[in-house]
Amino acid sequence: MTTTSRALFLILSSISCFAGPGPGALHAADDSSLMEGKRRTDRSIVLEATIPAPPAEVFRLWTTVDGVKKFFAPEARIDAQIGGRYEMIFAPGEDPDGSAHGTKGARILKLVPERELAFEWVAFAGDKTRGRSSPPYAPPAERDVRPLPTWVDLSFAPVAENADRTLLRFAHYGFGSGERWAESHRWFTAVWKAVLDQLAAYCEKQRAAKPDHEPE
């Protein structure tokens, strides 16, 4: 190896040490086959929120049963791995498996620890018993389609110059056409904003409760 070649090799090696995970590493954190049957449409929900907690904690809240129970659902089944369950149970008393008011059958599509999470979602309720407190009703032929057509995509990043806060980017994709889908899109547009507000409020409460917390 010539002196020039050796120098170039050392430079490239040093860059690779500090560049973080490359495209191959990120690809290994998802499974493209899980996206079969899904497509983005002209109906999407895109939100951003600043959460008063570091990305590692916000990621934990979204990916553990204990975490989602703090701000999202009263019960859940989560297997934090690609293809694992991501089932929210919103009425555990009368619907313990989330088949009518939950996301039974939903799977994790992407998982990059402390950085990214994507999971399938159910866009309709299975009955009308909960009224406006649940999404619009759809018959089984529309609701129980597999693979589930809609999905949620999240990214977690530290806020510039403040690693104790997270910029959470949220998107819900895959809403279909027709009035029933339009109603679902309207319902989730409001509800997802409320969920992110609940997440922020919980994290702020936890932050304020810390003994070393100083008001900003």
C-alpha atoms as a PDB file:
ATOM      1  CA  MET A   1       0.000   0.000   0.000  1.00  0.00           C
ATOM      2  CA  THR A   2       1.428   3.404  -0.995  1.00  0.00           C
ATOM      3  CA  THR A   3       1.747   6.266   1.473  1.00  0.00           C
ATOM      4  CA  THR A   4      -1.165   8.092  -0.220  1.00  0.00           C
ATOM      5  CA  SER A   5      -3.395   5.002  -0.168  1.00  0.00           C
ATOM      6  CA  ARG A   6      -2.563   4.357   3.479  1.00  0.00           C
ATOM      7  CA  ALA A   7      -3.497   7.946   4.404  1.00  0.00           C
ATOM      8  CA  LEU A   8      -6.806   7.703   2.509  1.00  0.00           C
ATOM      9  CA  PHE A   9      -7.615   4.421   4.247  1.00  0.00           C
ATOM     10  CA  LEU A  10      -7.009   5.978   7.681  1.00  0.00           C
ATOM     11  CA  ILE A  11      -9.220   8.978   6.870  1.00  0.00           C
ATOM     12  CA  LEU A  12     -12.113   6.801   5.681  1.00  0.00           C
ATOM     13  CA  SER A  13     -11.760   4.552   8.717  1.00  0.00           C
ATOM     14  CA  SER A  14     -11.945   7.511  11.086  1.00  0.00           C
ATOM     15  CA  ILE A  15     -15.060   8.846   9.349  1.00  0.00           C
ATOM     16  CA  SER A  16     -16.843   5.489   9.642  1.00  0.00           C
ATOM     17  CA  CYS A  17     -16.133   5.397  13.376  1.00  0.00           C
ATOM     18  CA  PHE A  18     -18.010   8.643  14.013  1.00  0.00           C
ATOM     19  CA  ALA A  19     -20.717   8.604  11.353  1.00  0.00           C
ATOM     20  CA  GLY A  20     -23.153   6.500  13.391  1.00  0.00           C
ATOM     21  CA  PRO A  21     -25.290   3.678  11.937  1.00  0.00           C
ATOM     22  CA  GLY A  22     -25.199   3.518   8.174  1.00  0.00           C
ATOM     23  CA  PRO A  23     -28.085   2.684   5.813  1.00  0.00           C
ATOM     24  CA  GLY A  24     -27.577  -1.029   6.344  1.00  0.00           C
ATOM     25  CA  ALA A  25     -27.942  -0.690  10.118  1.00  0.00           C
ATOM     26  CA  LEU A  26     -31.188   1.223   9.822  1.00  0.00           C
ATOM     27  CA  HIS A  27     -32.574  -1.191   7.266  1.00  0.00           C
ATOM     28  CA  ALA A  28     -31.889  -4.042   9.664  1.00  0.00           C
ATOM     29  CA  ALA A  29     -34.191  -2.309  12.151  1.00  0.00           C
ATOM     30  CA  ASP A  30     -37.262  -2.744   9.991  1.00  0.00           C
ATOM     31  CA  ASP A  31     -38.806  -5.377   7.733  1.00  0.00           C
ATOM     32  CA  SER A  32     -40.056  -4.144   4.370  1.00  0.00           C
ATOM     33  CA  SER A  33     -42.345  -7.178   4.019  1.00  0.00           C
ATOM     34  CA  LEU A  34     -44.423  -5.820   6.907  1.00  0.00           C
ATOM     35  CA  MET A  35     -45.360  -2.843   4.720  1.00  0.00           C
ATOM     36  CA  GLU A  36     -47.182  -4.989   2.169  1.00  0.00           C
ATOM     37  CA  GLY A  37     -50.732  -3.777   1.604  1.00  0.00           C
ATOM     38  CA  LYS A  38     -49.953  -0.279   2.874  1.00  0.00           C
ATOM     39  CA  ARG A  39     -49.766   2.942   0.917  1.00  0.00           C
ATOM     40  CA  ARG A  40     -49.763   6.632   1.661  1.00  0.00           C
ATOM     41  CA  THR A  41     -52.813   8.503   0.478  1.00  0.00           C
ATOM     42  CA  ASP A  42     -53.874  12.145   0.319  1.00  0.00           C
ATOM     43  CA  ARG A  43     -55.298  11.721   3.825  1.00  0.00           C
ATOM     44  CA  SER A  44     -52.501  11.758   6.388  1.00  0.00           C
ATOM     45  CA  ILE A  45     -52.096  13.212   9.860  1.00  0.00           C
ATOM     46  CA  VAL A  46     -48.747  14.882  10.544  1.00  0.00           C
ATOM     47  CA  LEU A  47     -47.946  16.473  13.913  1.00  0.00           C
ATOM     48  CA  GLU A  48     -44.983  17.681  15.925  1.00  0.00           C
ATOM     49  CA  ALA A  49     -44.642  18.141  19.668  1.00  0.00           C
ATOM     50  CA  THR A  50     -41.902  19.136  22.058  1.00  0.00           C
ATOM     51  CA  ILE A  51     -41.917  16.745  24.998  1.00  0.00           C
ATOM     52  CA  PRO A  52     -40.181  17.731  28.273  1.00  0.00           C
ATOM     53  CA  ALA A  53     -38.191  14.510  28.599  1.00  0.00           C
ATOM     54  CA  PRO A  54     -35.131  13.065  26.829  1.00  0.00           C
ATOM     55  CA  PRO A  55     -35.634  10.850  23.754  1.00  0.00           C
ATOM     56  CA  ALA A  56     -34.737   7.669  25.641  1.00  0.00           C
ATOM     57  CA  GLU A  57     -37.569   8.246  28.120  1.00  0.00           C
ATOM     58  CA  VAL A  58     -40.136   9.264  25.492  1.00  0.00           C
ATOM     59  CA  PHE A  59     -39.225   6.180  23.456  1.00  0.00           C
ATOM     60  CA  ARG A  60     -39.653   4.009  26.574  1.00  0.00           C
ATOM     61  CA  LEU A  61     -43.106   5.447  27.209  1.00  0.00           C
ATOM     62  CA  TRP A  62     -44.228   4.457  23.693  1.00  0.00           C
ATOM     63  CA  THR A  63     -42.673   0.980  23.716  1.00  0.00           C
ATOM     64  CA  THR A  64     -43.575  -0.503  27.109  1.00  0.00           C
ATOM     65  CA  VAL A  65     -46.890  -1.469  28.650  1.00  0.00           C
ATOM     66  CA  ASP A  66     -46.091   0.530  31.771  1.00  0.00           C
ATOM     67  CA  GLY A  67     -45.226   3.517  29.592  1.00  0.00           C
ATOM     68  CA  VAL A  68     -48.342   3.648  27.402  1.00  0.00           C
ATOM     69  CA  LYS A  69     -50.541   3.260  30.486  1.00  0.00           C
ATOM     70  CA  LYS A  70     -49.213   6.614  31.715  1.00  0.00           C
ATOM     71  CA  PHE A  71     -50.652   8.643  28.846  1.00  0.00           C
ATOM     72  CA  PHE A  72     -52.260   6.516  26.139  1.00  0.00           C
ATOM     73  CA  ALA A  73     -54.317   3.407  26.991  1.00  0.00           C
ATOM     74  CA  PRO A  74     -55.433   1.672  30.196  1.00  0.00           C
ATOM     75  CA  GLU A  75     -54.023  -1.656  29.013  1.00  0.00           C
ATOM     76  CA  ALA A  76     -51.782  -2.926  26.235  1.00  0.00           C
ATOM     77  CA  ARG A  77     -49.820  -5.838  24.826  1.00  0.00           C
ATOM     78  CA  ILE A  78     -46.431  -4.846  23.458  1.00  0.00           C
ATOM     79  CA  ASP A  79     -43.601  -7.025  22.187  1.00  0.00           C
ATOM     80  CA  ALA A  80     -40.848  -4.497  21.478  1.00  0.00           C
ATOM     81  CA  GLN A  81     -39.371  -6.115  18.375  1.00  0.00           C
ATOM     82  CA  ILE A  82     -39.941  -6.002  14.636  1.00  0.00           C
ATOM     83  CA  GLY A  83     -43.186  -7.856  13.891  1.00  0.00           C
ATOM     84  CA  GLY A  84     -44.086  -7.920  17.586  1.00  0.00           C
ATOM     85  CA  ARG A  85     -47.497  -6.985  18.950  1.00  0.00           C
ATOM     86  CA  TYR A  86     -48.512  -3.368  19.432  1.00  0.00           C
ATOM     87  CA  GLU A  87     -52.037  -3.785  20.722  1.00  0.00           C
ATOM     88  CA  MET A  88     -53.742  -0.991  22.651  1.00  0.00           C
ATOM     89  CA  ILE A  89     -56.775  -1.983  24.736  1.00  0.00           C
ATOM     90  CA  PHE A  90     -59.021   0.993  25.400  1.00  0.00           C
ATOM     91  CA  ALA A  91     -61.940  -0.746  27.159  1.00  0.00           C
ATOM     92  CA  PRO A  92     -60.338  -3.635  29.096  1.00  0.00           C
ATOM     93  CA  GLY A  93     -63.455  -4.261  31.169  1.00  0.00           C
ATOM     94  CA  GLU A  94     -65.870  -5.094  28.360  1.00  0.00           C
ATOM     95  CA  ASP A  95     -63.337  -5.711  25.577  1.00  0.00           C
ATOM     96  CA  PRO A  96     -60.260  -7.289  27.208  1.00  0.00           C
ATOM     97  CA  ASP A  97     -58.501  -8.307  23.998  1.00  0.00           C
ATOM     98  CA  GLY A  98     -59.091  -5.040  22.137  1.00  0.00           C
ATOM     99  CA  SER A  99     -61.037  -6.668  19.327  1.00  0.00           C
ATOM    100  CA  ALA A 100     -63.738  -3.970  19.201  1.00  0.00           C
ATOM    101  CA  HIS A 101     -62.119  -0.997  20.953  1.00  0.00           C
ATOM    102  CA  GLY A 102     -58.422  -1.504  20.491  1.00  0.00           C
ATOM    103  CA  THR A 103     -55.791  -2.462  17.993  1.00  0.00           C
ATOM    104  CA  LYS A 104     -55.835  -6.233  18.199  1.00  0.00           C
ATOM    105  CA  GLY A 105     -53.550  -7.681  15.512  1.00  0.00           C
ATOM    106  CA  ALA A 106     -51.394  -4.551  15.150  1.00  0.00           C
ATOM    107  CA  ARG A 107     -47.666  -5.177  14.723  1.00  0.00           C
ATOM    108  CA  ILE A 108     -44.488  -3.155  15.150  1.00  0.00           C
ATOM    109  CA  LEU A 109     -43.147  -2.232  11.716  1.00  0.00           C
ATOM    110  CA  LYS A 110     -39.960  -0.383  12.615  1.00  0.00           C
ATOM    111  CA  LEU A 111     -37.896  -0.105  15.779  1.00  0.00           C
ATOM    112  CA  VAL A 112     -34.719   1.929  16.146  1.00  0.00           C
ATOM    113  CA  PRO A 113     -34.065   2.316  19.892  1.00  0.00           C
ATOM    114  CA  GLU A 114     -34.511   5.888  21.123  1.00  0.00           C
ATOM    115  CA  ARG A 115     -34.904   7.161  17.540  1.00  0.00           C
ATOM    116  CA  GLU A 116     -37.781   5.643  15.540  1.00  0.00           C
ATOM    117  CA  LEU A 117     -40.928   3.576  15.990  1.00  0.00           C
ATOM    118  CA  ALA A 118     -43.664   2.552  13.562  1.00  0.00           C
ATOM    119  CA  PHE A 119     -46.689   0.375  14.240  1.00  0.00           C
ATOM    120  CA  GLU A 120     -49.930  -0.661  12.571  1.00  0.00           C
ATOM    121  CA  TRP A 121     -53.189   0.890  13.624  1.00  0.00           C
ATOM    122  CA  VAL A 122     -56.925   0.132  13.510  1.00  0.00           C
ATOM    123  CA  ALA A 123     -58.885   3.110  12.205  1.00  0.00           C
ATOM    124  CA  PHE A 124     -62.429   2.033  13.182  1.00  0.00           C
ATOM    125  CA  ALA A 125     -64.375   0.737  16.169  1.00  0.00           C
ATOM    126  CA  GLY A 126     -65.922  -2.722  16.118  1.00  0.00           C
ATOM    127  CA  ASP A 127     -69.229  -1.618  17.628  1.00  0.00           C
ATOM    128  CA  LYS A 128     -71.102   1.569  18.543  1.00  0.00           C
ATOM    129  CA  THR A 129     -71.294   1.099  22.308  1.00  0.00           C
ATOM    130  CA  ARG A 130     -68.860   3.880  23.221  1.00  0.00           C
ATOM    131  CA  GLY A 131     -70.325   6.583  21.019  1.00  0.00           C
ATOM    132  CA  ARG A 132     -68.101   9.582  20.370  1.00  0.00           C
ATOM    133  CA  SER A 133     -65.410   8.305  22.711  1.00  0.00           C
ATOM    134  CA  SER A 134     -64.310   5.843  20.034  1.00  0.00           C
ATOM    135  CA  PRO A 135     -63.578   6.058  16.292  1.00  0.00           C
ATOM    136  CA  PRO A 136     -66.436   5.639  13.813  1.00  0.00           C
ATOM    137  CA  TYR A 137     -67.860   2.145  13.495  1.00  0.00           C
ATOM    138  CA  ALA A 138     -67.052  -0.062  10.518  1.00  0.00           C
ATOM    139  CA  PRO A 139     -68.328  -3.579   9.797  1.00  0.00           C
ATOM    140  CA  PRO A 140     -65.852  -6.481  10.097  1.00  0.00           C
ATOM    141  CA  ALA A 141     -65.276  -6.641   6.343  1.00  0.00           C
ATOM    142  CA  GLU A 142     -63.747  -3.147   6.499  1.00  0.00           C
ATOM    143  CA  ARG A 143     -62.303  -3.120   9.999  1.00  0.00           C
ATOM    144  CA  ASP A 144     -60.684  -6.541  10.178  1.00  0.00           C
ATOM    145  CA  VAL A 145     -58.673  -6.366   6.950  1.00  0.00           C
ATOM    146  CA  ARG A 146     -55.229  -7.947   7.203  1.00  0.00           C
ATOM    147  CA  PRO A 147     -52.662  -6.629   6.931  1.00  0.00           C
ATOM    148  CA  LEU A 148     -53.963  -3.516   8.664  1.00  0.00           C
ATOM    149  CA  PRO A 149     -53.877  -0.662   6.146  1.00  0.00           C
ATOM    150  CA  THR A 150     -53.031   2.280   8.416  1.00  0.00           C
ATOM    151  CA  TRP A 151     -49.884   2.821  10.408  1.00  0.00           C
ATOM    152  CA  VAL A 152     -48.241   5.346  12.723  1.00  0.00           C
ATOM    153  CA  ASP A 153     -44.662   6.527  12.266  1.00  0.00           C
ATOM    154  CA  LEU A 154     -42.756   8.282  15.085  1.00  0.00           C
ATOM    155  CA  SER A 155     -39.297   9.796  15.328  1.00  0.00           C
ATOM    156  CA  PHE A 156     -37.559  11.023  18.479  1.00  0.00           C
ATOM    157  CA  ALA A 157     -34.774  13.616  18.455  1.00  0.00           C
ATOM    158  CA  PRO A 158     -33.248  15.813  21.145  1.00  0.00           C
ATOM    159  CA  VAL A 159     -34.199  19.450  20.913  1.00  0.00           C
ATOM    160  CA  ALA A 160     -31.232  21.534  19.813  1.00  0.00           C
ATOM    161  CA  GLU A 161     -29.083  22.559  22.792  1.00  0.00           C
ATOM    162  CA  ASN A 162     -31.441  20.783  25.225  1.00  0.00           C
ATOM    163  CA  ALA A 163     -30.999  17.021  25.410  1.00  0.00           C
ATOM    164  CA  ASP A 164     -33.630  16.842  28.157  1.00  0.00           C
ATOM    165  CA  ARG A 165     -36.382  17.651  25.649  1.00  0.00           C
ATOM    166  CA  THR A 166     -37.564  15.634  22.676  1.00  0.00           C
ATOM    167  CA  LEU A 167     -38.821  16.783  19.312  1.00  0.00           C
ATOM    168  CA  LEU A 168     -41.436  14.149  18.542  1.00  0.00           C
ATOM    169  CA  ARG A 169     -42.514  13.881  14.923  1.00  0.00           C
ATOM    170  CA  PHE A 170     -45.735  11.951  14.422  1.00  0.00           C
ATOM    171  CA  ALA A 171     -47.513  10.744  11.275  1.00  0.00           C
ATOM    172  CA  HIS A 172     -50.533   8.504  10.704  1.00  0.00           C
ATOM    173  CA  TYR A 173     -50.763   7.169   7.143  1.00  0.00           C
ATOM    174  CA  GLY A 174     -52.983   4.919   5.051  1.00  0.00           C
ATOM    175  CA  PHE A 175     -56.489   6.382   5.360  1.00  0.00           C
ATOM    176  CA  GLY A 176     -58.674   5.240   2.493  1.00  0.00           C
ATOM    177  CA  SER A 177     -61.309   7.021   0.416  1.00  0.00           C
ATOM    178  CA  GLY A 178     -65.007   7.481   1.121  1.00  0.00           C
ATOM    179  CA  GLU A 179     -66.997   9.160   3.862  1.00  0.00           C
ATOM    180  CA  ARG A 180     -66.332   6.536   6.533  1.00  0.00           C
ATOM    181  CA  TRP A 181     -62.591   6.986   6.076  1.00  0.00           C
ATOM    182  CA  ALA A 182     -63.013  10.766   6.052  1.00  0.00           C
ATOM    183  CA  GLU A 183     -64.828  10.547   9.393  1.00  0.00           C
ATOM    184  CA  SER A 184     -62.038   8.394  10.824  1.00  0.00           C
ATOM    185  CA  HIS A 185     -59.437  10.871   9.605  1.00  0.00           C
ATOM    186  CA  ARG A 186     -61.276  13.762  11.287  1.00  0.00           C
ATOM    187  CA  TRP A 187     -61.641  11.817  14.531  1.00  0.00           C
ATOM    188  CA  PHE A 188     -57.979  10.818  14.744  1.00  0.00           C
ATOM    189  CA  THR A 189     -56.764  14.294  13.788  1.00  0.00           C
ATOM    190  CA  ALA A 190     -58.276  15.566  17.033  1.00  0.00           C
ATOM    191  CA  VAL A 191     -57.478  12.522  19.164  1.00  0.00           C
ATOM    192  CA  TRP A 192     -53.808  12.228  18.257  1.00  0.00           C
ATOM    193  CA  LYS A 193     -53.284  15.877  19.206  1.00  0.00           C
ATOM    194  CA  ALA A 194     -54.870  15.095  22.581  1.00  0.00           C
ATOM    195  CA  VAL A 195     -52.631  12.029  23.038  1.00  0.00           C
ATOM    196  CA  LEU A 196     -49.487  14.084  22.431  1.00  0.00           C
ATOM    197  CA  ASP A 197     -50.766  16.727  24.857  1.00  0.00           C
ATOM    198  CA  GLN A 198     -51.312  14.019  27.476  1.00  0.00           C
ATOM    199  CA  LEU A 199     -47.791  12.703  26.893  1.00  0.00           C
ATOM    200  CA  ALA A 200     -46.303  16.174  27.314  1.00  0.00           C
ATOM    201  CA  ALA A 201     -48.360  16.812  30.454  1.00  0.00           C
ATOM    202  CA  TYR A 202     -47.277  13.538  32.044  1.00  0.00           C
ATOM    203  CA  CYS A 203     -43.591  14.206  31.307  1.00  0.00           C
ATOM    204  CA  GLU A 204     -43.851  17.756  32.631  1.00  0.00           C
ATOM    205  CA  LYS A 205     -45.413  16.480  35.851  1.00  0.00           C
ATOM    206  CA  GLN A 206     -42.619  13.938  36.262  1.00  0.00           C
ATOM    207  CA  ARG A 207     -39.976  16.566  35.571  1.00  0.00           C
ATOM    208  CA  ALA A 208     -41.479  18.990  38.079  1.00  0.00           C
ATOM    209  CA  ALA A 209     -41.549  16.279  40.734  1.00  0.00           C
ATOM    210  CA  LYS A 210     -37.788  15.697  40.594  1.00  0.00           C
ATOM    211  CA  PRO A 211     -36.022  17.072  43.696  1.00  0.00           C
ATOM    212  CA  ASP A 212     -33.365  18.860  41.638  1.00  0.00           C
ATOM    213  CA  HIS A 213     -35.857  20.468  39.242  1.00  0.00           C
ATOM    214  CA  GLU A 214     -35.539  24.215  38.845  1.00  0.00           C
ATOM    215  CA  PRO A 215     -38.368  26.216  37.247  1.00  0.00           C
ATOM    216  CA  GLU A 216     -37.425  27.629  33.852  1.00  0.00           C
END
